[in-house]
Amino acid sequence: MPLLVLGMTLLVVALLTALAAVGALGGSRREVARSLAAMDAWRGPAEPSGTELSDAVQRRLVQPVLAWLAEAGQTLSTAGHTARVRRQLDLAGNPIGLDVDRVLAFKMLGLLGGAVVGALLPLMVGQGAFAAVGGCIVGVFAGFLLPNVVLYQIAYNRTERLRADLPDSLDLLTISVEAGLSFDAALAEVAHNTDGPLSGEFFRVLQEMQIGVGRGIAIRSMGERTDLPELRQFSTAMVQADTLGIPIAAVLRVQAKEMRIKRSQRAEEQAQKVPVKILFPLIFCILPTLFLFILGPAVINISKSLFGISG
């Protein structure tokens, strides 16, 4: 018993000593931290880093200016313009950093920049005030419409990429489902092994299903985010197959076959348009140059022979 009491006493003393040491260390660390803070306060505030400066400038200067420009662009736009811009952003894949307010702000920046450039260019080439006013008006309209043109081109390029990637992606999806994968797993496999906007759309469908959206709603939303008829047809077929309980593999096989046929038909259509497209460059650019090089020396020789004109 005396040894047991001695052992318990020593254990308690050791624990108290350890706690005191930890407290002392913590207190010393707090004192050191308090001293360093006092020295920093005496030296003055530390200079912010480049990232902090850029964030502060963006928060205090850039964002208010963009908000004011977006409000001005909203005032100058028509009633349904905001909805059309939002639709174009959906077709363009909602690029990072772009929303409706940013587009409207860029339109106002284009308006101001176009007005300045359109007014200065005629003055720089020696034209009068009337030409400067006309150039300013043209620059205003061109600068205000330029963001819409750029956004339309981005949406068009994305749609063409979707059209080009859809048949191969459907073939891979069909092979994956027929190999035994579920539709969701096959969709994830295709999204991981491909790139481009269609892969992004498949990833978005999977993310929407992961947060609780139904498969049919997610696939239908994918078709509504684009104006590509083939993708809309695919989404409609998948929704109907999911609703009616039709085997997914059979529907995918039919859809993949139709997409391949449409791709061949589209290639034939583009090939048939080539003679019409080269007609005007041939008439107005190639033939005059050809006639000049072929008939030019003959005209010079005839002029020398008949009229004595020296070339």
C-alpha atoms as a PDB file:
ATOM      1  CA  MET A   1       0.000   0.000   0.000  1.00  0.00           C
ATOM      2  CA  PRO A   2       2.713   2.570   0.758  1.00  0.00           C
ATOM      3  CA  LEU A   3       4.333   1.796  -2.621  1.00  0.00           C
ATOM      4  CA  LEU A   4       0.987   2.154  -4.385  1.00  0.00           C
ATOM      5  CA  VAL A   5       0.312   5.491  -2.713  1.00  0.00           C
ATOM      6  CA  LEU A   6       3.839   6.655  -3.594  1.00  0.00           C
ATOM      7  CA  GLY A   7       3.356   5.598  -7.207  1.00  0.00           C
ATOM      8  CA  MET A   8       0.017   7.398  -7.514  1.00  0.00           C
ATOM      9  CA  THR A   9       1.517  10.502  -5.930  1.00  0.00           C
ATOM     10  CA  LEU A  10       4.422  10.493  -8.373  1.00  0.00           C
ATOM     11  CA  LEU A  11       2.024   9.991 -11.307  1.00  0.00           C
ATOM     12  CA  VAL A  12      -0.082  12.977 -10.237  1.00  0.00           C
ATOM     13  CA  VAL A  13       3.027  15.097  -9.776  1.00  0.00           C
ATOM     14  CA  ALA A  14       4.244  14.114 -13.257  1.00  0.00           C
ATOM     15  CA  LEU A  15       0.924  15.002 -14.831  1.00  0.00           C
ATOM     16  CA  LEU A  16       0.828  18.377 -13.063  1.00  0.00           C
ATOM     17  CA  THR A  17       4.397  19.071 -14.155  1.00  0.00           C
ATOM     18  CA  ALA A  18       3.580  18.197 -17.787  1.00  0.00           C
ATOM     19  CA  LEU A  19       0.484  20.416 -17.768  1.00  0.00           C
ATOM     20  CA  ALA A  20       2.463  23.272 -16.258  1.00  0.00           C
ATOM     21  CA  ALA A  21       5.163  22.880 -18.886  1.00  0.00           C
ATOM     22  CA  VAL A  22       2.614  22.888 -21.711  1.00  0.00           C
ATOM     23  CA  GLY A  23       0.942  25.948 -20.218  1.00  0.00           C
ATOM     24  CA  ALA A  24       4.248  27.698 -19.878  1.00  0.00           C
ATOM     25  CA  LEU A  25       5.144  26.911 -23.472  1.00  0.00           C
ATOM     26  CA  GLY A  26       1.764  28.097 -24.652  1.00  0.00           C
ATOM     27  CA  GLY A  27       2.087  31.232 -22.564  1.00  0.00           C
ATOM     28  CA  SER A  28       5.562  31.873 -23.918  1.00  0.00           C
ATOM     29  CA  ARG A  29       4.324  31.385 -27.476  1.00  0.00           C
ATOM     30  CA  ARG A  30       1.476  33.791 -26.829  1.00  0.00           C
ATOM     31  CA  GLU A  31       3.921  36.296 -25.366  1.00  0.00           C
ATOM     32  CA  VAL A  32       6.208  35.920 -28.383  1.00  0.00           C
ATOM     33  CA  ALA A  33       3.260  36.338 -30.751  1.00  0.00           C
ATOM     34  CA  ARG A  34       2.090  39.411 -28.791  1.00  0.00           C
ATOM     35  CA  SER A  35       5.591  40.887 -28.972  1.00  0.00           C
ATOM     36  CA  LEU A  36       5.848  40.270 -32.717  1.00  0.00           C
ATOM     37  CA  ALA A  37       2.437  41.871 -33.232  1.00  0.00           C
ATOM     38  CA  ALA A  38       3.547  44.894 -31.218  1.00  0.00           C
ATOM     39  CA  MET A  39       6.717  45.190 -33.310  1.00  0.00           C
ATOM     40  CA  ASP A  40       4.702  44.930 -36.527  1.00  0.00           C
ATOM     41  CA  ALA A  41       2.327  47.598 -35.262  1.00  0.00           C
ATOM     42  CA  TRP A  42       5.268  49.823 -34.357  1.00  0.00           C
ATOM     43  CA  ARG A  43       6.822  49.350 -37.801  1.00  0.00           C
ATOM     44  CA  GLY A  44       3.494  50.067 -39.478  1.00  0.00           C
ATOM     45  CA  PRO A  45       1.231  47.881 -41.642  1.00  0.00           C
ATOM     46  CA  ALA A  46       2.933  45.403 -43.929  1.00  0.00           C
ATOM     47  CA  GLU A  47       2.820  46.082 -47.614  1.00  0.00           C
ATOM     48  CA  PRO A  48       0.191  43.936 -49.318  1.00  0.00           C
ATOM     49  CA  SER A  49       1.348  41.429 -51.883  1.00  0.00           C
ATOM     50  CA  GLY A  50       0.667  41.748 -55.593  1.00  0.00           C
ATOM     51  CA  THR A  51      -2.316  39.416 -55.408  1.00  0.00           C
ATOM     52  CA  GLU A  52      -3.846  41.369 -52.533  1.00  0.00           C
ATOM     53  CA  LEU A  53      -3.298  44.626 -54.402  1.00  0.00           C
ATOM     54  CA  SER A  54      -4.935  43.273 -57.560  1.00  0.00           C
ATOM     55  CA  ASP A  55      -7.879  41.925 -55.548  1.00  0.00           C
ATOM     56  CA  ALA A  56      -8.301  45.241 -53.779  1.00  0.00           C
ATOM     57  CA  VAL A  57      -8.151  47.182 -57.043  1.00  0.00           C
ATOM     58  CA  GLN A  58     -10.648  44.825 -58.651  1.00  0.00           C
ATOM     59  CA  ARG A  59     -13.011  45.034 -55.684  1.00  0.00           C
ATOM     60  CA  ARG A  60     -12.861  48.810 -55.219  1.00  0.00           C
ATOM     61  CA  LEU A  61     -12.395  50.065 -58.764  1.00  0.00           C
ATOM     62  CA  VAL A  62     -13.068  47.509 -61.485  1.00  0.00           C
ATOM     63  CA  GLN A  63     -16.239  45.945 -60.112  1.00  0.00           C
ATOM     64  CA  PRO A  64     -18.061  49.259 -59.455  1.00  0.00           C
ATOM     65  CA  VAL A  65     -17.148  50.505 -62.936  1.00  0.00           C
ATOM     66  CA  LEU A  66     -18.360  47.255 -64.532  1.00  0.00           C
ATOM     67  CA  ALA A  67     -21.578  47.424 -62.500  1.00  0.00           C
ATOM     68  CA  TRP A  68     -22.198  50.991 -63.673  1.00  0.00           C
ATOM     69  CA  LEU A  69     -21.472  50.055 -67.293  1.00  0.00           C
ATOM     70  CA  ALA A  70     -23.762  47.013 -67.043  1.00  0.00           C
ATOM     71  CA  GLU A  71     -26.582  49.186 -65.720  1.00  0.00           C
ATOM     72  CA  ALA A  72     -26.050  51.672 -68.551  1.00  0.00           C
ATOM     73  CA  GLY A  73     -26.010  48.837 -71.098  1.00  0.00           C
ATOM     74  CA  GLN A  74     -29.223  47.459 -69.633  1.00  0.00           C
ATOM     75  CA  THR A  75     -30.822  50.892 -70.056  1.00  0.00           C
ATOM     76  CA  LEU A  76     -29.782  51.146 -73.701  1.00  0.00           C
ATOM     77  CA  SER A  77     -30.811  47.580 -74.566  1.00  0.00           C
ATOM     78  CA  THR A  78     -34.242  46.457 -75.671  1.00  0.00           C
ATOM     79  CA  ALA A  79     -36.684  44.537 -73.499  1.00  0.00           C
ATOM     80  CA  GLY A  80     -35.728  41.005 -74.553  1.00  0.00           C
ATOM     81  CA  HIS A  81     -32.032  41.647 -75.062  1.00  0.00           C
ATOM     82  CA  THR A  82     -31.021  40.264 -71.661  1.00  0.00           C
ATOM     83  CA  ALA A  83     -32.796  36.982 -72.372  1.00  0.00           C
ATOM     84  CA  ARG A  84     -31.112  36.732 -75.773  1.00  0.00           C
ATOM     85  CA  VAL A  85     -27.682  37.362 -74.260  1.00  0.00           C
ATOM     86  CA  ARG A  86     -28.324  34.708 -71.618  1.00  0.00           C
ATOM     87  CA  ARG A  87     -29.342  32.294 -74.359  1.00  0.00           C
ATOM     88  CA  GLN A  88     -26.181  33.060 -76.329  1.00  0.00           C
ATOM     89  CA  LEU A  89     -24.121  32.438 -73.211  1.00  0.00           C
ATOM     90  CA  ASP A  90     -25.783  29.030 -72.828  1.00  0.00           C
ATOM     91  CA  LEU A  91     -25.026  28.223 -76.450  1.00  0.00           C
ATOM     92  CA  ALA A  92     -21.425  29.372 -75.963  1.00  0.00           C
ATOM     93  CA  GLY A  93     -21.043  27.047 -72.972  1.00  0.00           C
ATOM     94  CA  ASN A  94     -21.104  29.821 -70.333  1.00  0.00           C
ATOM     95  CA  PRO A  95     -17.417  30.797 -70.601  1.00  0.00           C
ATOM     96  CA  ILE A  96     -15.676  31.362 -67.267  1.00  0.00           C
ATOM     97  CA  GLY A  97     -15.854  34.988 -66.171  1.00  0.00           C
ATOM     98  CA  LEU A  98     -18.710  35.910 -68.496  1.00  0.00           C
ATOM     99  CA  ASP A  99     -22.280  36.598 -67.482  1.00  0.00           C
ATOM    100  CA  VAL A 100     -25.032  38.903 -68.693  1.00  0.00           C
ATOM    101  CA  ASP A 101     -23.745  41.892 -66.710  1.00  0.00           C
ATOM    102  CA  ARG A 102     -20.204  41.449 -68.037  1.00  0.00           C
ATOM    103  CA  VAL A 103     -21.452  41.261 -71.621  1.00  0.00           C
ATOM    104  CA  LEU A 104     -23.521  44.424 -71.172  1.00  0.00           C
ATOM    105  CA  ALA A 105     -20.504  46.146 -69.619  1.00  0.00           C
ATOM    106  CA  PHE A 106     -18.328  45.097 -72.564  1.00  0.00           C
ATOM    107  CA  LYS A 107     -20.966  46.443 -74.937  1.00  0.00           C
ATOM    108  CA  MET A 108     -20.761  49.824 -73.237  1.00  0.00           C
ATOM    109  CA  LEU A 109     -16.959  49.714 -73.350  1.00  0.00           C
ATOM    110  CA  GLY A 110     -17.188  48.916 -77.056  1.00  0.00           C
ATOM    111  CA  LEU A 111     -19.613  51.806 -77.535  1.00  0.00           C
ATOM    112  CA  LEU A 112     -17.284  54.300 -75.856  1.00  0.00           C
ATOM    113  CA  GLY A 113     -14.169  52.910 -77.544  1.00  0.00           C
ATOM    114  CA  GLY A 114     -15.866  52.821 -80.943  1.00  0.00           C
ATOM    115  CA  ALA A 115     -17.025  56.416 -80.550  1.00  0.00           C
ATOM    116  CA  VAL A 116     -13.504  57.618 -79.718  1.00  0.00           C
ATOM    117  CA  VAL A 117     -11.805  55.616 -82.479  1.00  0.00           C
ATOM    118  CA  GLY A 118     -14.484  56.503 -85.049  1.00  0.00           C
ATOM    119  CA  ALA A 119     -14.111  60.195 -84.269  1.00  0.00           C
ATOM    120  CA  LEU A 120     -10.294  60.261 -84.195  1.00  0.00           C
ATOM    121  CA  LEU A 121      -9.567  58.265 -87.350  1.00  0.00           C
ATOM    122  CA  PRO A 122     -11.108  60.800 -89.814  1.00  0.00           C
ATOM    123  CA  LEU A 123      -9.323  63.649 -88.033  1.00  0.00           C
ATOM    124  CA  MET A 124      -6.002  61.829 -88.197  1.00  0.00           C
ATOM    125  CA  VAL A 125      -6.274  61.375 -91.971  1.00  0.00           C
ATOM    126  CA  GLY A 126      -7.182  65.028 -92.488  1.00  0.00           C
ATOM    127  CA  GLN A 127     -10.953  64.797 -92.874  1.00  0.00           C
ATOM    128  CA  GLY A 128     -13.362  67.373 -91.564  1.00  0.00           C
ATOM    129  CA  ALA A 129     -15.742  67.508 -88.647  1.00  0.00           C
ATOM    130  CA  PHE A 130     -18.594  66.012 -90.683  1.00  0.00           C
ATOM    131  CA  ALA A 131     -16.556  62.876 -91.390  1.00  0.00           C
ATOM    132  CA  ALA A 132     -15.587  62.701 -87.699  1.00  0.00           C
ATOM    133  CA  VAL A 133     -19.244  62.804 -86.664  1.00  0.00           C
ATOM    134  CA  GLY A 134     -20.102  60.096 -89.190  1.00  0.00           C
ATOM    135  CA  GLY A 135     -17.194  57.942 -88.037  1.00  0.00           C
ATOM    136  CA  CYS A 136     -18.263  58.423 -84.425  1.00  0.00           C
ATOM    137  CA  ILE A 137     -21.786  57.205 -85.217  1.00  0.00           C
ATOM    138  CA  VAL A 138     -20.473  54.183 -87.104  1.00  0.00           C
ATOM    139  CA  GLY A 139     -18.018  53.417 -84.314  1.00  0.00           C
ATOM    140  CA  VAL A 140     -20.775  53.611 -81.693  1.00  0.00           C
ATOM    141  CA  PHE A 141     -22.918  51.032 -83.488  1.00  0.00           C
ATOM    142  CA  ALA A 142     -19.943  48.802 -84.343  1.00  0.00           C
ATOM    143  CA  GLY A 143     -18.552  48.858 -80.814  1.00  0.00           C
ATOM    144  CA  PHE A 144     -21.958  48.233 -79.242  1.00  0.00           C
ATOM    145  CA  LEU A 145     -22.617  45.207 -81.483  1.00  0.00           C
ATOM    146  CA  LEU A 146     -19.076  43.757 -81.390  1.00  0.00           C
ATOM    147  CA  PRO A 147     -19.534  41.698 -78.151  1.00  0.00           C
ATOM    148  CA  ASN A 148     -22.692  40.155 -79.634  1.00  0.00           C
ATOM    149  CA  VAL A 149     -20.790  39.168 -82.770  1.00  0.00           C
ATOM    150  CA  VAL A 150     -17.946  37.640 -80.755  1.00  0.00           C
ATOM    151  CA  LEU A 151     -20.385  35.744 -78.527  1.00  0.00           C
ATOM    152  CA  TYR A 152     -22.289  34.480 -81.573  1.00  0.00           C
ATOM    153  CA  GLN A 153     -19.058  33.249 -83.154  1.00  0.00           C
ATOM    154  CA  ILE A 154     -18.064  31.412 -79.960  1.00  0.00           C
ATOM    155  CA  ALA A 155     -21.501  29.774 -79.828  1.00  0.00           C
ATOM    156  CA  TYR A 156     -21.305  28.826 -83.511  1.00  0.00           C
ATOM    157  CA  ASN A 157     -17.857  27.247 -83.125  1.00  0.00           C
ATOM    158  CA  ARG A 158     -19.032  25.313 -80.077  1.00  0.00           C
ATOM    159  CA  THR A 159     -22.111  24.041 -81.916  1.00  0.00           C
ATOM    160  CA  GLU A 160     -19.994  22.862 -84.821  1.00  0.00           C
ATOM    161  CA  ARG A 161     -17.647  21.078 -82.425  1.00  0.00           C
ATOM    162  CA  LEU A 162     -20.645  19.399 -80.774  1.00  0.00           C
ATOM    163  CA  ARG A 163     -21.918  18.278 -84.178  1.00  0.00           C
ATOM    164  CA  ALA A 164     -18.525  16.839 -85.095  1.00  0.00           C
ATOM    165  CA  ASP A 165     -17.993  14.999 -81.783  1.00  0.00           C
ATOM    166  CA  LEU A 166     -21.491  13.594 -81.300  1.00  0.00           C
ATOM    167  CA  PRO A 167     -21.340  10.518 -83.621  1.00  0.00           C
ATOM    168  CA  ASP A 168     -18.053   9.208 -82.206  1.00  0.00           C
ATOM    169  CA  SER A 169     -19.168   9.832 -78.621  1.00  0.00           C
ATOM    170  CA  LEU A 170     -22.426   7.967 -79.245  1.00  0.00           C
ATOM    171  CA  ASP A 171     -20.483   5.033 -80.700  1.00  0.00           C
ATOM    172  CA  LEU A 172     -18.303   4.919 -77.589  1.00  0.00           C
ATOM    173  CA  LEU A 173     -21.371   5.232 -75.368  1.00  0.00           C
ATOM    174  CA  THR A 174     -23.094   2.382 -77.207  1.00  0.00           C
ATOM    175  CA  ILE A 175     -20.043   0.131 -76.900  1.00  0.00           C
ATOM    176  CA  SER A 176     -19.761   0.885 -73.190  1.00  0.00           C
ATOM    177  CA  VAL A 177     -23.428   0.095 -72.507  1.00  0.00           C
ATOM    178  CA  GLU A 178     -23.312  -3.097 -74.565  1.00  0.00           C
ATOM    179  CA  ALA A 179     -20.178  -4.128 -72.651  1.00  0.00           C
ATOM    180  CA  GLY A 180     -22.213  -4.222 -69.451  1.00  0.00           C
ATOM    181  CA  LEU A 181     -21.898  -0.741 -67.942  1.00  0.00           C
ATOM    182  CA  SER A 182     -24.920   1.170 -66.756  1.00  0.00           C
ATOM    183  CA  PHE A 183     -25.915   4.312 -68.608  1.00  0.00           C
ATOM    184  CA  ASP A 184     -24.513   6.602 -65.898  1.00  0.00           C
ATOM    185  CA  ALA A 185     -21.209   4.703 -65.749  1.00  0.00           C
ATOM    186  CA  ALA A 186     -20.959   4.662 -69.552  1.00  0.00           C
ATOM    187  CA  LEU A 187     -21.672   8.398 -69.665  1.00  0.00           C
ATOM    188  CA  ALA A 188     -18.905   8.986 -67.115  1.00  0.00           C
ATOM    189  CA  GLU A 189     -16.533   6.786 -69.127  1.00  0.00           C
ATOM    190  CA  VAL A 190     -17.201   8.749 -72.318  1.00  0.00           C
ATOM    191  CA  ALA A 191     -16.821  12.063 -70.493  1.00  0.00           C
ATOM    192  CA  HIS A 192     -13.440  11.009 -69.049  1.00  0.00           C
ATOM    193  CA  ASN A 193     -12.049   9.634 -72.319  1.00  0.00           C
ATOM    194  CA  THR A 194     -13.083  12.516 -74.575  1.00  0.00           C
ATOM    195  CA  ASP A 195     -12.573  16.243 -74.576  1.00  0.00           C
ATOM    196  CA  GLY A 196     -14.395  19.243 -75.942  1.00  0.00           C
ATOM    197  CA  PRO A 197     -17.790  20.785 -75.243  1.00  0.00           C
ATOM    198  CA  LEU A 198     -19.688  17.495 -75.487  1.00  0.00           C
ATOM    199  CA  SER A 199     -17.554  16.014 -72.713  1.00  0.00           C
ATOM    200  CA  GLY A 200     -18.369  19.079 -70.626  1.00  0.00           C
ATOM    201  CA  GLU A 201     -22.080  18.586 -71.243  1.00  0.00           C
ATOM    202  CA  PHE A 202     -21.842  14.953 -70.148  1.00  0.00           C
ATOM    203  CA  PHE A 203     -19.982  16.001 -66.997  1.00  0.00           C
ATOM    204  CA  ARG A 204     -22.698  18.538 -66.244  1.00  0.00           C
ATOM    205  CA  VAL A 205     -25.398  15.886 -66.652  1.00  0.00           C
ATOM    206  CA  LEU A 206     -23.552  13.647 -64.192  1.00  0.00           C
ATOM    207  CA  GLN A 207     -23.107  16.492 -61.708  1.00  0.00           C
ATOM    208  CA  GLU A 208     -26.781  17.392 -61.869  1.00  0.00           C
ATOM    209  CA  MET A 209     -27.714  13.762 -61.217  1.00  0.00           C
ATOM    210  CA  GLN A 210     -25.303  13.649 -58.273  1.00  0.00           C
ATOM    211  CA  ILE A 211     -27.003  16.627 -56.591  1.00  0.00           C
ATOM    212  CA  GLY A 212     -30.421  15.018 -56.896  1.00  0.00           C
ATOM    213  CA  VAL A 213     -31.774  16.021 -60.313  1.00  0.00           C
ATOM    214  CA  GLY A 214     -33.554  13.239 -62.148  1.00  0.00           C
ATOM    215  CA  ARG A 215     -31.856  11.603 -65.085  1.00  0.00           C
ATOM    216  CA  GLY A 216     -34.577  12.612 -67.530  1.00  0.00           C
ATOM    217  CA  ILE A 217     -34.552  16.241 -66.400  1.00  0.00           C
ATOM    218  CA  ALA A 218     -30.752  16.431 -66.584  1.00  0.00           C
ATOM    219  CA  ILE A 219     -30.653  14.948 -70.096  1.00  0.00           C
ATOM    220  CA  ARG A 220     -33.519  17.173 -71.266  1.00  0.00           C
ATOM    221  CA  SER A 221     -31.672  20.235 -69.913  1.00  0.00           C
ATOM    222  CA  MET A 222     -28.603  19.194 -71.895  1.00  0.00           C
ATOM    223  CA  GLY A 223     -30.669  19.296 -75.092  1.00  0.00           C
ATOM    224  CA  GLU A 224     -32.174  22.661 -74.188  1.00  0.00           C
ATOM    225  CA  ARG A 225     -28.769  24.260 -73.617  1.00  0.00           C
ATOM    226  CA  THR A 226     -27.932  23.943 -77.315  1.00  0.00           C
ATOM    227  CA  ASP A 227     -29.636  24.511 -80.625  1.00  0.00           C
ATOM    228  CA  LEU A 228     -28.090  21.423 -82.253  1.00  0.00           C
ATOM    229  CA  PRO A 229     -30.944  19.272 -83.635  1.00  0.00           C
ATOM    230  CA  GLU A 230     -28.962  16.040 -83.361  1.00  0.00           C
ATOM    231  CA  LEU A 231     -28.206  16.535 -79.672  1.00  0.00           C
ATOM    232  CA  ARG A 232     -31.807  17.462 -78.983  1.00  0.00           C
ATOM    233  CA  GLN A 233     -32.947  14.334 -80.791  1.00  0.00           C
ATOM    234  CA  PHE A 234     -30.567  12.234 -78.694  1.00  0.00           C
ATOM    235  CA  SER A 235     -31.749  13.795 -75.428  1.00  0.00           C
ATOM    236  CA  THR A 236     -35.409  13.310 -76.375  1.00  0.00           C
ATOM    237  CA  ALA A 237     -34.809   9.661 -77.262  1.00  0.00           C
ATOM    238  CA  MET A 238     -32.994   9.035 -73.954  1.00  0.00           C
ATOM    239  CA  VAL A 239     -35.774  10.691 -71.961  1.00  0.00           C
ATOM    240  CA  GLN A 240     -38.428   8.624 -73.713  1.00  0.00           C
ATOM    241  CA  ALA A 241     -36.430   5.421 -73.243  1.00  0.00           C
ATOM    242  CA  ASP A 242     -35.995   6.185 -69.542  1.00  0.00           C
ATOM    243  CA  THR A 243     -39.704   6.990 -69.148  1.00  0.00           C
ATOM    244  CA  LEU A 244     -41.073   4.017 -71.092  1.00  0.00           C
ATOM    245  CA  GLY A 245     -38.534   1.468 -69.907  1.00  0.00           C
ATOM    246  CA  ILE A 246     -37.066   0.760 -73.351  1.00  0.00           C
ATOM    247  CA  PRO A 247     -33.603  -0.913 -73.319  1.00  0.00           C
ATOM    248  CA  ILE A 248     -30.967   1.812 -73.464  1.00  0.00           C
ATOM    249  CA  ALA A 249     -28.552  -0.224 -75.621  1.00  0.00           C
ATOM    250  CA  ALA A 250     -31.075  -0.593 -78.461  1.00  0.00           C
ATOM    251  CA  VAL A 251     -31.909   3.119 -78.428  1.00  0.00           C
ATOM    252  CA  LEU A 252     -28.227   4.079 -78.387  1.00  0.00           C
ATOM    253  CA  ARG A 253     -27.476   1.751 -81.300  1.00  0.00           C
ATOM    254  CA  VAL A 254     -30.215   3.362 -83.403  1.00  0.00           C
ATOM    255  CA  GLN A 255     -29.129   6.879 -82.435  1.00  0.00           C
ATOM    256  CA  ALA A 256     -25.479   6.184 -83.248  1.00  0.00           C
ATOM    257  CA  LYS A 257     -26.419   4.792 -86.653  1.00  0.00           C
ATOM    258  CA  GLU A 258     -28.572   7.830 -87.455  1.00  0.00           C
ATOM    259  CA  MET A 259     -25.794  10.208 -86.388  1.00  0.00           C
ATOM    260  CA  ARG A 260     -23.314   8.481 -88.695  1.00  0.00           C
ATOM    261  CA  ILE A 261     -25.778   8.709 -91.592  1.00  0.00           C
ATOM    262  CA  LYS A 262     -26.381  12.396 -90.906  1.00  0.00           C
ATOM    263  CA  ARG A 263     -22.641  13.037 -90.796  1.00  0.00           C
ATOM    264  CA  SER A 264     -22.214  11.430 -94.217  1.00  0.00           C
ATOM    265  CA  GLN A 265     -25.142  13.384 -95.617  1.00  0.00           C
ATOM    266  CA  ARG A 266     -23.736  16.623 -94.214  1.00  0.00           C
ATOM    267  CA  ALA A 267     -20.353  15.923 -95.810  1.00  0.00           C
ATOM    268  CA  GLU A 268     -22.024  15.305 -99.171  1.00  0.00           C
ATOM    269  CA  GLU A 269     -24.008  18.508 -98.805  1.00  0.00           C
ATOM    270  CA  GLN A 270     -20.874  20.520 -98.081  1.00  0.00           C
ATOM    271  CA  ALA A 271     -19.147  18.958-101.090  1.00  0.00           C
ATOM    272  CA  GLN A 272     -22.039  19.929-103.366  1.00  0.00           C
ATOM    273  CA  LYS A 273     -21.819  23.548-102.173  1.00  0.00           C
ATOM    274  CA  VAL A 274     -18.197  23.899-103.252  1.00  0.00           C
ATOM    275  CA  PRO A 275     -18.869  24.752-106.975  1.00  0.00           C
ATOM    276  CA  VAL A 276     -21.297  27.509-105.985  1.00  0.00           C
ATOM    277  CA  LYS A 277     -18.904  28.935-103.406  1.00  0.00           C
ATOM    278  CA  ILE A 278     -15.943  29.132-105.791  1.00  0.00           C
ATOM    279  CA  LEU A 279     -18.011  30.652-108.611  1.00  0.00           C
ATOM    280  CA  PHE A 280     -17.729  34.292-107.512  1.00  0.00           C
ATOM    281  CA  PRO A 281     -13.986  34.189-106.658  1.00  0.00           C
ATOM    282  CA  LEU A 282     -13.411  32.492-110.014  1.00  0.00           C
ATOM    283  CA  ILE A 283     -15.316  35.153-111.978  1.00  0.00           C
ATOM    284  CA  PHE A 284     -14.114  38.282-110.165  1.00  0.00           C
ATOM    285  CA  CYS A 285     -10.587  37.320-109.083  1.00  0.00           C
ATOM    286  CA  ILE A 286      -9.072  34.430-111.019  1.00  0.00           C
ATOM    287  CA  LEU A 287     -10.432  34.966-114.542  1.00  0.00           C
ATOM    288  CA  PRO A 288      -9.521  38.692-114.812  1.00  0.00           C
ATOM    289  CA  THR A 289      -5.953  37.934-113.725  1.00  0.00           C
ATOM    290  CA  LEU A 290      -5.781  35.017-116.161  1.00  0.00           C
ATOM    291  CA  PHE A 291      -7.057  37.142-119.033  1.00  0.00           C
ATOM    292  CA  LEU A 292      -4.579  39.881-118.151  1.00  0.00           C
ATOM    293  CA  PHE A 293      -1.579  37.564-118.300  1.00  0.00           C
ATOM    294  CA  ILE A 294      -2.767  35.702-121.403  1.00  0.00           C
ATOM    295  CA  LEU A 295      -4.224  38.530-123.504  1.00  0.00           C
ATOM    296  CA  GLY A 296      -1.985  41.335-122.232  1.00  0.00           C
ATOM    297  CA  PRO A 297       1.043  40.561-124.434  1.00  0.00           C
ATOM    298  CA  ALA A 298      -1.208  39.972-127.444  1.00  0.00           C
ATOM    299  CA  VAL A 299      -2.910  43.360-126.979  1.00  0.00           C
ATOM    300  CA  ILE A 300       0.484  45.048-126.710  1.00  0.00           C
ATOM    301  CA  ASN A 301       1.750  43.421-129.921  1.00  0.00           C
ATOM    302  CA  ILE A 302      -1.451  44.291-131.813  1.00  0.00           C
ATOM    303  CA  SER A 303      -1.186  47.904-130.637  1.00  0.00           C
ATOM    304  CA  LYS A 304       2.401  48.076-131.833  1.00  0.00           C
ATOM    305  CA  SER A 305       1.542  46.611-135.225  1.00  0.00           C
ATOM    306  CA  LEU A 306      -1.598  48.654-135.980  1.00  0.00           C
ATOM    307  CA  PHE A 307      -1.119  51.960-134.207  1.00  0.00           C
ATOM    308  CA  GLY A 308       2.597  52.110-133.678  1.00  0.00           C
ATOM    309  CA  ILE A 309       2.202  52.335-129.927  1.00  0.00           C
ATOM    310  CA  SER A 310       5.316  51.323-128.048  1.00  0.00           C
ATOM    311  CA  GLY A 311       4.695  49.264-124.828  1.00  0.00           C
END
